[in-house]
PDB file of N, CA and C in Angstrom:
ATOM      1  N   MET A   1    -174.620-103.620-165.784  1.00  0.00           N
ATOM      2  CA  MET A   1    -174.676-105.254-165.719  1.00  0.00           C
ATOM      3  C   MET A   1    -173.713-106.185-165.666  1.00  0.00           C
ATOM      4  N   HIS A   2    -172.443-105.563-166.263  1.00  0.00           N
ATOM      5  CA  HIS A   2    -171.086-106.434-166.242  1.00  0.00           C
ATOM      6  C   HIS A   2    -170.788-106.096-164.676  1.00  0.00           C
ATOM      7  N   ALA A   3    -171.194-105.144-163.951  1.00  0.00           N
ATOM      8  CA  ALA A   3    -170.847-105.284-162.440  1.00  0.00           C
ATOM      9  C   ALA A   3    -171.408-106.280-161.711  1.00  0.00           C
ATOM     10  N   ALA A   4    -172.921-106.893-162.217  1.00  0.00           N
ATOM     11  CA  ALA A   4    -173.313-107.977-161.835  1.00  0.00           C
ATOM     12  C   ALA A   4    -172.528-109.032-161.690  1.00  0.00           C
ATOM     13  N   VAL A   5    -171.822-109.240-162.678  1.00  0.00           N
ATOM     14  CA  VAL A   5    -170.979-110.625-162.817  1.00  0.00           C
ATOM     15  C   VAL A   5    -169.822-109.970-162.388  1.00  0.00           C
ATOM     16  N   GLY A   6    -169.369-108.835-162.053  1.00  0.00           N
ATOM     17  CA  GLY A   6    -168.045-108.735-161.451  1.00  0.00           C
ATOM     18  C   GLY A   6    -167.908-109.125-159.995  1.00  0.00           C
ATOM     19  N   HIS A   7    -169.059-109.532-159.576  1.00  0.00           N
ATOM     20  CA  HIS A   7    -168.602-110.278-157.837  1.00  0.00           C
ATOM     21  C   HIS A   7    -168.397-111.756-158.317  1.00  0.00           C
ATOM     22  N   ARG A   8    -167.698-112.154-157.471  1.00  0.00           N
ATOM     23  CA  ARG A   8    -167.310-113.439-157.613  1.00  0.00           C
ATOM     24  C   ARG A   8    -168.167-114.733-157.636  1.00  0.00           C
ATOM     25  N   THR A   9    -169.082-114.324-156.425  1.00  0.00           N
ATOM     26  CA  THR A   9    -170.101-115.231-156.300  1.00  0.00           C
ATOM     27  C   THR A   9    -171.080-115.517-157.365  1.00  0.00           C
ATOM     28  N   ARG A  10    -171.659-114.274-158.186  1.00  0.00           N
ATOM     29  CA  ARG A  10    -172.415-114.035-159.353  1.00  0.00           C
ATOM     30  C   ARG A  10    -171.748-114.672-160.233  1.00  0.00           C
ATOM     31  N   TYR A  11    -170.511-114.532-160.363  1.00  0.00           N
ATOM     32  CA  TYR A  11    -170.015-115.007-161.604  1.00  0.00           C
ATOM     33  C   TYR A  11    -169.933-116.484-161.747  1.00  0.00           C
ATOM     34  N   GLU A  12    -169.715-116.719-160.414  1.00  0.00           N
ATOM     35  CA  GLU A  12    -169.421-118.456-160.138  1.00  0.00           C
ATOM     36  C   GLU A  12    -171.167-119.047-160.498  1.00  0.00           C
ATOM     37  N   ILE A  13    -171.999-118.318-160.212  1.00  0.00           N
ATOM     38  CA  ILE A  13    -173.542-118.940-160.354  1.00  0.00           C
ATOM     39  C   ILE A  13    -174.053-118.890-161.589  1.00  0.00           C
ATOM     40  N   LEU A  14    -173.379-117.858-162.421  1.00  0.00           N
ATOM     41  CA  LEU A  14    -173.645-117.621-163.870  1.00  0.00           C
ATOM     42  C   LEU A  14    -172.842-118.711-164.662  1.00  0.00           C
ATOM     43  N   TYR A  15    -171.577-118.904-164.434  1.00  0.00           N
ATOM     44  CA  TYR A  15    -170.981-120.002-165.090  1.00  0.00           C
ATOM     45  C   TYR A  15    -171.470-121.333-164.733  1.00  0.00           C
ATOM     46  N   ARG A  16    -171.731-121.497-163.627  1.00  0.00           N
ATOM     47  CA  ARG A  16    -172.474-123.074-163.602  1.00  0.00           C
ATOM     48  C   ARG A  16    -173.406-123.154-164.087  1.00  0.00           C
ATOM     49  N   LEU A  17    -174.479-122.314-164.369  1.00  0.00           N
ATOM     50  CA  LEU A  17    -175.739-122.356-164.942  1.00  0.00           C
ATOM     51  C   LEU A  17    -175.291-122.292-166.324  1.00  0.00           C
ATOM     52  N   VAL A  18    -174.487-121.648-166.968  1.00  0.00           N
ATOM     53  CA  VAL A  18    -174.164-121.580-168.562  1.00  0.00           C
ATOM     54  C   VAL A  18    -173.629-123.032-168.867  1.00  0.00           C
ATOM     55  N   HIS A  19    -172.648-123.516-168.104  1.00  0.00           N
ATOM     56  CA  HIS A  19    -171.918-124.646-168.387  1.00  0.00           C
ATOM     57  C   HIS A  19    -172.724-126.097-167.875  1.00  0.00           C
ATOM     58  N   ASN A  20    -173.684-126.138-167.037  1.00  0.00           N
ATOM     59  CA  ASN A  20    -174.359-127.236-166.197  1.00  0.00           C
ATOM     60  C   ASN A  20    -175.726-127.028-166.832  1.00  0.00           C
ATOM     61  N   GLY A  21    -176.385-125.905-167.261  1.00  0.00           N
ATOM     62  CA  GLY A  21    -178.062-125.873-167.737  1.00  0.00           C
ATOM     63  C   GLY A  21    -178.559-125.712-166.388  1.00  0.00           C
ATOM     64  N   GLU A  22    -179.858-125.753-166.682  1.00  0.00           N
ATOM     65  CA  GLU A  22    -180.772-125.217-165.559  1.00  0.00           C
ATOM     66  C   GLU A  22    -180.760-126.025-164.195  1.00  0.00           C
ATOM     67  N   MET A  23    -180.453-125.084-162.883  1.00  0.00           N
ATOM     68  CA  MET A  23    -180.575-125.737-161.807  1.00  0.00           C
ATOM     69  C   MET A  23    -181.301-125.289-160.833  1.00  0.00           C
ATOM     70  N   SER A  24    -181.722-126.107-159.771  1.00  0.00           N
ATOM     71  CA  SER A  24    -182.258-125.666-158.699  1.00  0.00           C
ATOM     72  C   SER A  24    -181.576-124.741-157.446  1.00  0.00           C
ATOM     73  N   PRO A  25    -181.918-123.983-156.951  1.00  0.00           N
ATOM     74  CA  PRO A  25    -181.399-123.510-155.674  1.00  0.00           C
ATOM     75  C   PRO A  25    -180.381-124.698-154.610  1.00  0.00           C
ATOM     76  N   THR A  26    -181.346-125.523-154.591  1.00  0.00           N
ATOM     77  CA  THR A  26    -180.517-126.681-153.531  1.00  0.00           C
ATOM     78  C   THR A  26    -179.139-127.359-154.341  1.00  0.00           C
ATOM     79  N   GLU A  27    -179.346-127.350-155.606  1.00  0.00           N
ATOM     80  CA  GLU A  27    -178.183-127.919-156.366  1.00  0.00           C
ATOM     81  C   GLU A  27    -176.837-126.994-156.419  1.00  0.00           C
ATOM     82  N   LEU A  28    -177.334-125.673-156.738  1.00  0.00           N
ATOM     83  CA  LEU A  28    -176.115-124.594-156.495  1.00  0.00           C
ATOM     84  C   LEU A  28    -175.813-124.433-155.323  1.00  0.00           C
ATOM     85  N   GLU A  29    -176.498-124.716-154.193  1.00  0.00           N
ATOM     86  CA  GLU A  29    -175.895-124.284-152.834  1.00  0.00           C
ATOM     87  C   GLU A  29    -175.032-125.700-152.606  1.00  0.00           C
ATOM     88  N   ALA A  30    -175.215-126.763-153.057  1.00  0.00           N
ATOM     89  CA  ALA A  30    -174.862-128.158-152.837  1.00  0.00           C
ATOM     90  C   ALA A  30    -173.243-127.951-153.656  1.00  0.00           C
ATOM     91  N   GLU A  31    -173.242-127.265-154.597  1.00  0.00           N
ATOM     92  CA  GLU A  31    -171.906-127.329-155.768  1.00  0.00           C
ATOM     93  C   GLU A  31    -170.925-126.251-155.215  1.00  0.00           C
ATOM     94  N   MET A  32    -171.641-125.031-154.619  1.00  0.00           N
ATOM     95  CA  MET A  32    -170.967-123.875-154.288  1.00  0.00           C
ATOM     96  C   MET A  32    -170.597-123.956-152.877  1.00  0.00           C
ATOM     97  N   ASP A  33    -171.452-124.761-151.835  1.00  0.00           N
ATOM     98  CA  ASP A  33    -171.037-124.388-150.525  1.00  0.00           C
ATOM     99  C   ASP A  33    -171.132-123.175-150.137  1.00  0.00           C
ATOM    100  N   ILE A  34    -172.498-122.715-150.112  1.00  0.00           N
ATOM    101  CA  ILE A  34    -172.892-121.500-150.005  1.00  0.00           C
ATOM    102  C   ILE A  34    -174.645-121.495-149.190  1.00  0.00           C
ATOM    103  N   ASP A  35    -174.327-120.704-148.179  1.00  0.00           N
ATOM    104  CA  ASP A  35    -175.788-120.325-147.397  1.00  0.00           C
ATOM    105  C   ASP A  35    -177.037-120.184-148.394  1.00  0.00           C
ATOM    106  N   ASP A  36    -178.139-120.157-148.227  1.00  0.00           N
ATOM    107  CA  ASP A  36    -179.307-120.159-148.740  1.00  0.00           C
ATOM    108  C   ASP A  36    -179.670-118.735-148.885  1.00  0.00           C
ATOM    109  N   SER A  37    -179.431-117.534-147.831  1.00  0.00           N
ATOM    110  CA  SER A  37    -179.971-116.155-147.853  1.00  0.00           C
ATOM    111  C   SER A  37    -178.923-115.860-149.188  1.00  0.00           C
ATOM    112  N   THR A  38    -177.582-115.959-148.971  1.00  0.00           N
ATOM    113  CA  THR A  38    -176.608-115.532-149.676  1.00  0.00           C
ATOM    114  C   THR A  38    -176.847-116.027-151.133  1.00  0.00           C
ATOM    115  N   LEU A  39    -177.123-117.068-151.280  1.00  0.00           N
ATOM    116  CA  LEU A  39    -177.221-117.740-152.700  1.00  0.00           C
ATOM    117  C   LEU A  39    -178.747-116.625-153.449  1.00  0.00           C
ATOM    118  N   HIS A  40    -179.629-116.908-152.489  1.00  0.00           N
ATOM    119  CA  HIS A  40    -180.737-116.027-153.240  1.00  0.00           C
ATOM    120  C   HIS A  40    -180.542-114.322-153.578  1.00  0.00           C
ATOM    121  N   TYR A  41    -179.773-114.154-152.421  1.00  0.00           N
ATOM    122  CA  TYR A  41    -179.644-112.583-152.986  1.00  0.00           C
ATOM    123  C   TYR A  41    -178.683-112.201-154.264  1.00  0.00           C
ATOM    124  N   HIS A  42    -177.637-113.189-154.250  1.00  0.00           N
ATOM    125  CA  HIS A  42    -176.999-113.008-155.705  1.00  0.00           C
ATOM    126  C   HIS A  42    -177.697-113.845-156.873  1.00  0.00           C
ATOM    127  N   LEU A  43    -178.498-114.505-156.763  1.00  0.00           N
ATOM    128  CA  LEU A  43    -179.468-114.812-157.946  1.00  0.00           C
ATOM    129  C   LEU A  43    -180.639-113.714-158.053  1.00  0.00           C
ATOM    130  N   ASN A  44    -181.125-112.932-157.070  1.00  0.00           N
ATOM    131  CA  ASN A  44    -181.900-112.049-157.480  1.00  0.00           C
ATOM    132  C   ASN A  44    -181.334-110.858-158.258  1.00  0.00           C
ATOM    133  N   LYS A  45    -180.103-110.619-157.852  1.00  0.00           N
ATOM    134  CA  LYS A  45    -179.398-109.682-158.780  1.00  0.00           C
ATOM    135  C   LYS A  45    -179.233-109.857-160.029  1.00  0.00           C
ATOM    136  N   LEU A  46    -178.643-111.252-160.342  1.00  0.00           N
ATOM    137  CA  LEU A  46    -178.602-111.667-161.975  1.00  0.00           C
ATOM    138  C   LEU A  46    -180.100-111.544-162.231  1.00  0.00           C
ATOM    139  N   VAL A  47    -180.842-112.207-161.886  1.00  0.00           N
ATOM    140  CA  VAL A  47    -182.571-112.131-162.261  1.00  0.00           C
ATOM    141  C   VAL A  47    -182.812-110.495-162.690  1.00  0.00           C
ATOM    142  N   ASP A  48    -182.455-109.450-161.849  1.00  0.00           N
ATOM    143  CA  ASP A  48    -182.743-108.042-162.009  1.00  0.00           C
ATOM    144  C   ASP A  48    -182.219-107.453-163.103  1.00  0.00           C
ATOM    145  N   VAL A  49    -180.900-108.152-163.470  1.00  0.00           N
ATOM    146  CA  VAL A  49    -180.219-107.366-164.461  1.00  0.00           C
ATOM    147  C   VAL A  49    -180.591-108.069-166.077  1.00  0.00           C
ATOM    148  N   GLY A  50    -181.475-109.342-165.679  1.00  0.00           N
ATOM    149  CA  GLY A  50    -181.570-110.210-167.236  1.00  0.00           C
ATOM    150  C   GLY A  50    -180.601-111.446-167.415  1.00  0.00           C
ATOM    151  N   LEU A  51    -179.443-111.560-166.469  1.00  0.00           N
ATOM    152  CA  LEU A  51    -178.769-112.500-167.004  1.00  0.00           C
ATOM    153  C   LEU A  51    -178.939-113.790-166.853  1.00  0.00           C
ATOM    154  N   VAL A  52    -179.977-113.862-165.594  1.00  0.00           N
ATOM    155  CA  VAL A  52    -180.337-115.152-165.230  1.00  0.00           C
ATOM    156  C   VAL A  52    -182.056-115.469-165.239  1.00  0.00           C
ATOM    157  N   GLU A  53    -182.736-116.227-165.635  1.00  0.00           N
ATOM    158  CA  GLU A  53    -184.130-116.320-165.324  1.00  0.00           C
ATOM    159  C   GLU A  53    -184.680-117.320-164.042  1.00  0.00           C
ATOM    160  N   LYS A  54    -185.926-117.004-163.564  1.00  0.00           N
ATOM    161  CA  LYS A  54    -186.185-117.947-162.799  1.00  0.00           C
ATOM    162  C   LYS A  54    -187.631-118.675-163.208  1.00  0.00           C
ATOM    163  N   ARG A  55    -187.559-119.850-163.363  1.00  0.00           N
ATOM    164  CA  ARG A  55    -189.197-120.372-163.502  1.00  0.00           C
ATOM    165  C   ARG A  55    -189.449-121.553-162.342  1.00  0.00           C
ATOM    166  N   GLN A  56    -190.693-121.670-162.294  1.00  0.00           N
ATOM    167  CA  GLN A  56    -191.220-122.740-161.449  1.00  0.00           C
ATOM    168  C   GLN A  56    -191.837-123.568-162.205  1.00  0.00           C
ATOM    169  N   ARG A  57    -191.855-125.142-161.617  1.00  0.00           N
ATOM    170  CA  ARG A  57    -192.576-126.082-162.428  1.00  0.00           C
ATOM    171  C   ARG A  57    -192.882-126.986-161.310  1.00  0.00           C
ATOM    172  N   THR A  58    -193.618-127.907-161.722  1.00  0.00           N
ATOM    173  CA  THR A  58    -194.289-128.956-161.075  1.00  0.00           C
ATOM    174  C   THR A  58    -193.165-130.099-161.207  1.00  0.00           C
ATOM    175  N   GLU A  59    -193.076-130.959-160.633  1.00  0.00           N
ATOM    176  CA  GLU A  59    -192.317-132.363-160.764  1.00  0.00           C
ATOM    177  C   GLU A  59    -193.485-133.108-160.775  1.00  0.00           C
ATOM    178  N   ARG A  60    -193.286-134.322-161.422  1.00  0.00           N
ATOM    179  CA  ARG A  60    -194.044-135.462-162.075  1.00  0.00           C
ATOM    180  C   ARG A  60    -194.451-136.297-160.557  1.00  0.00           C
ATOM    181  N   GLY A  61    -195.553-136.378-160.173  1.00  0.00           N
ATOM    182  CA  GLY A  61    -195.831-136.782-159.064  1.00  0.00           C
ATOM    183  C   GLY A  61    -195.733-136.250-157.947  1.00  0.00           C
ATOM    184  N   GLN A  62    -195.254-135.100-157.681  1.00  0.00           N
ATOM    185  CA  GLN A  62    -194.894-134.258-156.438  1.00  0.00           C
ATOM    186  C   GLN A  62    -195.981-132.995-156.269  1.00  0.00           C
ATOM    187  N   ASP A  63    -196.117-132.585-155.137  1.00  0.00           N
ATOM    188  CA  ASP A  63    -197.054-131.690-154.908  1.00  0.00           C
ATOM    189  C   ASP A  63    -196.093-130.165-154.869  1.00  0.00           C
ATOM    190  N   GLY A  64    -196.524-129.193-155.115  1.00  0.00           N
ATOM    191  CA  GLY A  64    -195.811-127.960-155.196  1.00  0.00           C
ATOM    192  C   GLY A  64    -195.278-127.356-156.193  1.00  0.00           C
ATOM    193  N   LEU A  65    -194.602-126.375-156.301  1.00  0.00           N
ATOM    194  CA  LEU A  65    -193.751-125.542-157.348  1.00  0.00           C
ATOM    195  C   LEU A  65    -192.500-125.924-156.720  1.00  0.00           C
ATOM    196  N   TYR A  66    -191.439-126.117-157.712  1.00  0.00           N
ATOM    197  CA  TYR A  66    -190.030-126.140-157.745  1.00  0.00           C
ATOM    198  C   TYR A  66    -189.457-125.036-158.255  1.00  0.00           C
ATOM    199  N   THR A  67    -188.392-124.491-157.853  1.00  0.00           N
ATOM    200  CA  THR A  67    -187.983-123.149-158.552  1.00  0.00           C
ATOM    201  C   THR A  67    -186.544-123.438-159.361  1.00  0.00           C
ATOM    202  N   TYR A  68    -186.414-123.211-160.422  1.00  0.00           N
ATOM    203  CA  TYR A  68    -185.252-123.320-161.008  1.00  0.00           C
ATOM    204  C   TYR A  68    -184.519-122.300-162.240  1.00  0.00           C
ATOM    205  N   TYR A  69    -183.549-122.112-162.026  1.00  0.00           N
ATOM    206  CA  TYR A  69    -182.707-121.102-162.655  1.00  0.00           C
ATOM    207  C   TYR A  69    -182.005-121.277-163.853  1.00  0.00           C
ATOM    208  N   GLN A  70    -181.771-120.467-164.840  1.00  0.00           N
ATOM    209  CA  GLN A  70    -181.370-120.655-166.092  1.00  0.00           C
ATOM    210  C   GLN A  70    -180.578-119.329-166.404  1.00  0.00           C
ATOM    211  N   ALA A  71    -179.494-119.691-167.269  1.00  0.00           N
ATOM    212  CA  ALA A  71    -178.814-118.288-167.851  1.00  0.00           C
ATOM    213  C   ALA A  71    -179.595-118.256-168.870  1.00  0.00           C
ATOM    214  N   THR A  72    -179.831-116.761-169.498  1.00  0.00           N
ATOM    215  CA  THR A  72    -180.425-116.414-170.252  1.00  0.00           C
ATOM    216  C   THR A  72    -179.646-116.184-171.537  1.00  0.00           C
ATOM    217  N   VAL A  73    -179.830-115.961-172.910  1.00  0.00           N
ATOM    218  CA  VAL A  73    -179.178-115.938-174.114  1.00  0.00           C
ATOM    219  C   VAL A  73    -178.135-114.717-173.840  1.00  0.00           C
ATOM    220  N   PHE A  74    -178.767-113.691-173.034  1.00  0.00           N
ATOM    221  CA  PHE A  74    -178.052-112.493-172.758  1.00  0.00           C
ATOM    222  C   PHE A  74    -176.977-112.933-171.629  1.00  0.00           C
ATOM    223  N   GLY A  75    -177.114-113.764-170.718  1.00  0.00           N
ATOM    224  CA  GLY A  75    -176.171-114.200-169.743  1.00  0.00           C
ATOM    225  C   GLY A  75    -175.382-115.069-170.159  1.00  0.00           C
ATOM    226  N   GLU A  76    -175.586-115.863-171.328  1.00  0.00           N
ATOM    227  CA  GLU A  76    -174.326-116.926-172.197  1.00  0.00           C
ATOM    228  C   GLU A  76    -173.361-116.028-172.778  1.00  0.00           C
ATOM    229  N   VAL A  77    -174.083-114.865-173.342  1.00  0.00           N
ATOM    230  CA  VAL A  77    -173.250-114.251-174.171  1.00  0.00           C
ATOM    231  C   VAL A  77    -172.264-113.285-173.517  1.00  0.00           C
ATOM    232  N   THR A  78    -172.858-112.746-172.478  1.00  0.00           N
ATOM    233  CA  THR A  78    -172.132-111.875-171.539  1.00  0.00           C
ATOM    234  C   THR A  78    -170.855-112.632-171.222  1.00  0.00           C
ATOM    235  N   LEU A  79    -170.990-113.965-170.505  1.00  0.00           N
ATOM    236  CA  LEU A  79    -170.101-114.743-169.979  1.00  0.00           C
ATOM    237  C   LEU A  79    -169.093-115.444-170.915  1.00  0.00           C
ATOM    238  N   THR A  80    -169.381-115.934-172.169  1.00  0.00           N
ATOM    239  CA  THR A  80    -168.679-116.521-172.890  1.00  0.00           C
ATOM    240  C   THR A  80    -167.969-115.414-174.102  1.00  0.00           C
ATOM    241  N   ASP A  81    -168.775-114.185-174.281  1.00  0.00           N
ATOM    242  CA  ASP A  81    -168.223-113.489-175.469  1.00  0.00           C
ATOM    243  C   ASP A  81    -167.709-112.346-174.472  1.00  0.00           C
ATOM    244  N   GLY A  82    -167.928-112.134-173.295  1.00  0.00           N
ATOM    245  CA  GLY A  82    -167.309-110.928-172.495  1.00  0.00           C
ATOM    246  C   GLY A  82    -166.317-111.296-171.444  1.00  0.00           C
ATOM    247  N   VAL A  83    -166.980-111.910-170.270  1.00  0.00           N
ATOM    248  CA  VAL A  83    -165.873-112.177-169.527  1.00  0.00           C
ATOM    249  C   VAL A  83    -165.037-113.050-169.273  1.00  0.00           C
ATOM    250  N   ASP A  84    -165.545-114.250-169.547  1.00  0.00           N
ATOM    251  CA  ASP A  84    -164.371-115.229-170.004  1.00  0.00           C
ATOM    252  C   ASP A  84    -163.494-114.902-171.412  1.00  0.00           C
ATOM    253  N   GLU A  85    -163.526-114.101-171.921  1.00  0.00           N
ATOM    254  CA  GLU A  85    -162.989-113.690-173.376  1.00  0.00           C
ATOM    255  C   GLU A  85    -161.905-112.544-172.426  1.00  0.00           C
ATOM    256  N   LEU A  86    -162.170-111.761-171.637  1.00  0.00           N
ATOM    257  CA  LEU A  86    -161.425-110.812-171.027  1.00  0.00           C
ATOM    258  C   LEU A  86    -160.360-111.330-170.195  1.00  0.00           C
ATOM    259  N   ILE A  87    -160.927-112.667-169.275  1.00  0.00           N
ATOM    260  CA  ILE A  87    -159.879-113.092-168.236  1.00  0.00           C
ATOM    261  C   ILE A  87    -158.818-113.952-168.940  1.00  0.00           C
ATOM    262  N   CYS A  88    -159.073-114.485-170.325  1.00  0.00           N
ATOM    263  CA  CYS A  88    -158.493-115.131-171.279  1.00  0.00           C
ATOM    264  C   CYS A  88    -157.072-114.336-171.594  1.00  0.00           C
ATOM    265  N   GLY A  89    -158.156-112.961-171.921  1.00  0.00           N
ATOM    266  CA  GLY A  89    -156.708-111.993-172.519  1.00  0.00           C
ATOM    267  C   GLY A  89    -155.936-111.369-171.439  1.00  0.00           C
ATOM    268  N   GLU A  90    -156.637-111.339-170.367  1.00  0.00           N
ATOM    269  CA  GLU A  90    -155.764-110.852-169.198  1.00  0.00           C
ATOM    270  C   GLU A  90    -154.329-111.813-168.900  1.00  0.00           C
ATOM    271  N   GLN A  91    -154.790-113.338-168.942  1.00  0.00           N
ATOM    272  CA  GLN A  91    -153.801-114.312-168.595  1.00  0.00           C
ATOM    273  C   GLN A  91    -152.840-114.525-169.934  1.00  0.00           C
ATOM    274  N   LYS A  92    -153.048-114.016-170.967  1.00  0.00           N
ATOM    275  CA  LYS A  92    -152.048-114.104-172.143  1.00  0.00           C
ATOM    276  C   LYS A  92    -151.232-112.737-172.205  1.00  0.00           C
ATOM    277  N   PHE A  93    -151.920-111.782-171.442  1.00  0.00           N
ATOM    278  CA  PHE A  93    -151.148-110.294-171.242  1.00  0.00           C
ATOM    279  C   PHE A  93    -150.106-110.564-170.086  1.00  0.00           C
ATOM    280  N   GLU A  94    -150.456-111.182-169.176  1.00  0.00           N
ATOM    281  CA  GLU A  94    -149.621-111.708-167.952  1.00  0.00           C
ATOM    282  C   GLU A  94    -148.474-112.390-168.221  1.00  0.00           C
ATOM    283  N   GLN A  95    -148.654-113.586-169.239  1.00  0.00           N
ATOM    284  CA  GLN A  95    -147.875-114.446-169.702  1.00  0.00           C
ATOM    285  C   GLN A  95    -146.678-113.656-170.579  1.00  0.00           C
ATOM    286  N   MET A  96    -147.304-112.931-171.348  1.00  0.00           N
ATOM    287  CA  MET A  96    -146.264-112.179-172.603  1.00  0.00           C
ATOM    288  C   MET A  96    -145.337-111.091-171.673  1.00  0.00           C
ATOM    289  N   TYR A  97    -145.616-110.485-170.526  1.00  0.00           N
ATOM    290  CA  TYR A  97    -144.776-109.386-169.848  1.00  0.00           C
ATOM    291  C   TYR A  97    -144.392-110.094-168.601  1.00  0.00           C
ATOM    292  N   ASP A  98    -144.529-111.700-168.464  1.00  0.00           N
ATOM    293  CA  ASP A  98    -144.282-111.919-167.222  1.00  0.00           C
ATOM    294  C   ASP A  98    -142.318-111.879-167.218  1.00  0.00           C
ATOM    295  N   SER A  99    -142.190-110.936-166.088  1.00  0.00           N
ATOM    296  CA  SER A  99    -140.524-110.737-166.163  1.00  0.00           C
ATOM    297  C   SER A  99    -139.790-112.018-165.552  1.00  0.00           C
ATOM    298  N   THR A 100    -140.333-112.857-164.859  1.00  0.00           N
ATOM    299  CA  THR A 100    -139.763-114.076-164.181  1.00  0.00           C
ATOM    300  C   THR A 100    -139.201-114.931-164.971  1.00  0.00           C
ATOM    301  N   ASN A 101    -139.876-114.944-166.537  1.00  0.00           N
ATOM    302  CA  ASN A 101    -139.682-115.862-167.290  1.00  0.00           C
ATOM    303  C   ASN A 101    -138.483-115.243-168.811  1.00  0.00           C
ATOM    304  N   ASP A 102    -137.625-114.145-167.946  1.00  0.00           N
ATOM    305  CA  ASP A 102    -136.662-113.513-169.152  1.00  0.00           C
ATOM    306  C   ASP A 102    -135.489-114.597-169.123  1.00  0.00           C
ATOM    307  N   THR A 103    -135.219-114.888-170.467  1.00  0.00           N
ATOM    308  CA  THR A 103    -134.175-115.916-170.913  1.00  0.00           C
ATOM    309  C   THR A 103    -133.231-115.428-171.571  1.00  0.00           C
TER     310      THR A 103
END
């Protein structure tokens, strides 16, 4: 499952869903400047491992179903208490041991 967020595109999708809430594929495509087939491939990977869930609903006054994606609780925890924490830790480590800042 952590391998699923190890890919930059999937990380960015999960990050946007955690911080922006529910989004449609059209909204994700526009924000990420990504093509439809690539987006759906990565969304399906995130859904398969349980980090993202997909739901369909009918908009008021519209015909047809619209698909929306949102991070699951598991996805939120994985991002905020896992991946983001790891990234922050790596940045602190690099700053502590940065040889270009020797005084």
